Amino acid sequence: MAADTTISKGPDARFLLSHPAHFIALGFGAGLAPRAPGTFGTLVGWAIFLGLYQFLAPLVIAYLAIPLFFVGIWACERTGRDLGVQDHGSMVWDEVVAFLPLAALASASLLMQAVAFALFRLFDIWKPFPIRHFERRLKGGFGVMFDDLIAACYAYLVIIVLVVAAHHLLKNLA
């Protein structure tokens, strides 16, 4: 199976369904998007957040990302090996998992969630230091998952700065 997949442009629906690790790593199929699979993976993360938010507190959802991170290490390790590419662009579970705590942080409003989404995508695509450094050095499933975690941390820091700045601005206007 892996030989067929590495010859083609990328994984297909057959590959997606051939193993549970593939289904997870490819974000339930979001990674099969012909363009911007990472953005589609982040949308899956947002959808999961919105579904869970109906039943769970934001902090619980944020902590749920921890076991999902370890599931991602396994799924991305296996899928990368089967694809013959350690960090294939179709593997988007890293975006799904890294976005969950950000969505939880920004749960106060849809606008804040959209800002978190945009910032996360910006840092995931831009890969400022040390994201690109870790992406090159860390291998396997852990490497796939870890660089997106750092992108989420950058987005988190910017959100905190925006919230604090808005608070001070509103306080000074009052």
Protein backbone atom coordinates (compact mmCIF):
# COMPACT_ATOMS: atom_id res chain seq x y z
CA MET A 1 0.00 0.00 0.00
CA ALA A 2 2.67 2.52 0.96
CA ALA A 3 4.54 2.04 -2.30
CA ASP A 4 1.40 2.85 -4.29
CA THR A 5 0.78 5.93 -2.20
CA THR A 6 4.28 7.36 -2.44
CA ILE A 7 4.17 7.07 -6.23
CA SER A 8 0.90 9.00 -6.48
CA LYS A 9 0.57 12.73 -5.75
CA GLY A 10 -0.67 11.99 -2.26
CA PRO A 11 -2.95 9.79 -0.23
CA ASP A 12 -6.48 9.09 -1.40
CA ALA A 13 -9.71 7.93 0.23
CA ARG A 14 -8.58 4.32 0.03
CA PHE A 15 -5.40 5.14 1.96
CA LEU A 16 -7.41 7.23 4.46
CA LEU A 17 -9.62 4.27 5.31
CA SER A 18 -6.94 1.58 5.22
CA HIS A 19 -5.80 2.06 8.84
CA PRO A 20 -7.17 3.96 11.88
CA ALA A 21 -3.87 5.86 12.15
CA HIS A 22 -4.31 7.18 8.62
CA PHE A 23 -7.88 8.28 9.35
CA ILE A 24 -6.71 10.18 12.42
CA ALA A 25 -3.50 11.65 10.97
CA LEU A 26 -5.34 12.87 7.88
CA GLY A 27 -7.87 14.65 10.11
CA PHE A 28 -10.83 12.42 9.21
CA GLY A 29 -10.24 13.29 5.55
CA ALA A 30 -9.48 17.02 5.84
CA GLY A 31 -5.89 16.31 4.82
CA LEU A 32 -7.13 15.13 1.42
CA ALA A 33 -8.08 18.70 0.49
CA PRO A 34 -6.27 19.59 -2.74
CA ARG A 35 -5.30 23.04 -1.42
CA ALA A 36 -4.52 24.28 2.09
CA PRO A 37 -4.99 20.98 3.93
CA GLY A 38 -3.62 22.54 7.12
CA THR A 39 -6.37 25.14 7.04
CA PHE A 40 -8.97 22.41 6.58
CA GLY A 41 -7.39 20.50 9.47
CA THR A 42 -7.66 23.59 11.65
CA LEU A 43 -11.31 23.89 10.63
CA VAL A 44 -11.82 20.31 11.83
CA GLY A 45 -10.23 21.30 15.14
CA TRP A 46 -12.59 24.26 15.36
CA ALA A 47 -15.60 22.05 14.57
CA ILE A 48 -14.52 19.56 17.25
CA PHE A 49 -14.19 22.43 19.72
CA LEU A 50 -17.66 23.77 18.87
CA GLY A 51 -19.17 20.30 19.27
CA LEU A 52 -17.44 19.64 22.59
CA TYR A 53 -18.23 23.16 23.86
CA GLN A 54 -21.89 22.17 24.02
CA PHE A 55 -21.06 19.65 26.78
CA LEU A 56 -17.66 20.50 28.25
CA ALA A 57 -16.02 23.52 29.84
CA PRO A 58 -13.28 25.23 27.79
CA LEU A 59 -10.59 24.18 30.25
CA VAL A 60 -11.61 20.52 29.90
CA ILE A 61 -11.42 20.83 26.12
CA ALA A 62 -7.98 22.41 26.38
CA TYR A 63 -6.76 19.53 28.55
CA LEU A 64 -8.29 17.02 26.14
CA ALA A 65 -5.61 18.12 23.68
CA ILE A 66 -2.96 16.38 25.83
CA PRO A 67 -4.04 12.77 25.20
CA LEU A 68 -4.95 13.70 21.62
CA PHE A 69 -1.36 14.93 21.16
CA PHE A 70 -0.06 11.48 22.10
CA VAL A 71 -2.59 9.81 19.80
CA GLY A 72 -1.23 12.11 17.09
CA ILE A 73 2.35 11.00 17.70
CA TRP A 74 1.31 7.41 17.07
CA ALA A 75 -0.98 8.20 14.11
CA CYS A 76 1.48 10.53 12.35
CA GLU A 77 4.41 8.17 12.95
CA ARG A 78 2.51 5.29 11.36
CA THR A 79 1.04 7.36 8.53
CA GLY A 80 4.35 9.03 7.70
CA ARG A 81 6.03 5.63 7.54
CA ASP A 82 3.28 4.25 5.29
CA LEU A 83 3.42 7.31 3.02
CA GLY A 84 7.20 7.26 2.91
CA VAL A 85 7.25 10.93 3.96
CA GLN A 86 7.73 11.78 7.64
CA ASP A 87 5.71 15.00 7.61
CA HIS A 88 3.44 14.75 4.60
CA GLY A 89 1.26 17.81 4.05
CA SER A 90 -1.88 15.69 4.19
CA MET A 91 -1.24 14.85 7.84
CA VAL A 92 -3.27 17.51 9.64
CA TRP A 93 -3.93 15.98 13.06
CA ASP A 94 -1.25 18.32 14.39
CA GLU A 95 -3.38 21.32 13.37
CA VAL A 96 -6.53 19.74 14.81
CA VAL A 97 -4.95 19.13 18.21
CA ALA A 98 -2.91 22.34 18.47
CA PHE A 99 -5.96 24.48 17.74
CA LEU A 100 -8.19 22.98 20.47
CA PRO A 101 -6.58 24.84 23.41
CA LEU A 102 -6.56 28.08 21.39
CA ALA A 103 -10.24 27.74 20.61
CA ALA A 104 -10.87 27.07 24.31
CA LEU A 105 -8.91 30.19 25.25
CA ALA A 106 -10.89 32.24 22.74
CA SER A 107 -14.25 30.70 23.61
CA ALA A 108 -15.66 34.00 24.89
CA SER A 109 -16.68 35.07 21.40
CA LEU A 110 -16.81 33.94 17.81
CA LEU A 111 -14.64 36.93 16.87
CA MET A 112 -11.90 35.83 19.30
CA GLN A 113 -12.10 32.30 17.91
CA ALA A 114 -11.67 33.67 14.38
CA VAL A 115 -8.67 35.73 15.54
CA ALA A 116 -7.17 32.62 17.17
CA PHE A 117 -7.76 30.67 13.95
CA ALA A 118 -6.09 33.34 11.79
CA LEU A 119 -3.12 33.74 14.15
CA PHE A 120 -2.58 30.00 14.40
CA ARG A 121 -2.64 29.59 10.61
CA LEU A 122 -0.27 32.57 10.24
CA PHE A 123 2.32 31.12 12.62
CA ASP A 124 1.88 27.57 11.29
CA ILE A 125 2.56 28.77 7.74
CA TRP A 126 5.20 31.40 8.55
CA LYS A 127 7.10 29.18 11.02
CA PRO A 128 9.15 31.84 12.85
CA PHE A 129 12.06 30.74 15.03
CA PRO A 130 12.16 28.23 16.65
CA ILE A 131 9.28 26.52 14.80
CA ARG A 132 11.22 25.84 11.60
CA HIS A 133 14.25 24.79 13.66
CA PHE A 134 12.23 22.11 15.48
CA GLU A 135 10.44 21.09 12.29
CA ARG A 136 13.82 20.28 10.71
CA ARG A 137 15.38 18.61 13.75
CA LEU A 138 12.58 16.60 15.34
CA LYS A 139 11.59 13.50 13.43
CA GLY A 140 8.70 11.08 13.36
CA GLY A 141 5.30 11.57 14.87
CA PHE A 142 6.60 13.74 17.71
CA GLY A 143 8.23 16.13 15.25
CA VAL A 144 5.02 16.39 13.22
CA MET A 145 3.01 17.26 16.32
CA PHE A 146 5.50 19.50 18.14
CA ASP A 147 6.02 22.33 15.64
CA ASP A 148 2.28 23.06 15.55
CA LEU A 149 2.26 23.18 19.33
CA ILE A 150 4.82 26.00 19.16
CA ALA A 151 2.76 27.81 16.49
CA ALA A 152 -0.21 27.61 18.87
CA CYS A 153 1.95 29.06 21.66
CA TYR A 154 2.87 32.03 19.46
CA ALA A 155 -0.80 32.59 18.64
CA TYR A 156 -1.64 32.32 22.35
CA LEU A 157 0.95 34.98 23.24
CA VAL A 158 -0.40 37.37 20.62
CA ILE A 159 -3.97 36.82 21.86
CA ILE A 160 -2.86 37.61 25.41
CA VAL A 161 -1.15 40.81 24.22
CA LEU A 162 -4.28 41.80 22.26
CA VAL A 163 -6.56 41.15 25.23
CA VAL A 164 -4.32 43.06 27.66
CA ALA A 165 -3.94 45.96 25.21
CA ALA A 166 -7.71 46.11 24.62
CA HIS A 167 -8.32 46.03 28.37
CA HIS A 168 -5.91 48.94 28.97
CA LEU A 169 -7.33 50.90 26.07
CA LEU A 170 -10.90 50.49 27.33
CA LYS A 171 -9.81 51.28 30.88
CA ASN A 172 -8.13 54.51 29.75
CA LEU A 173 -11.16 55.54 27.67
CA ALA A 174 -13.49 55.15 30.64
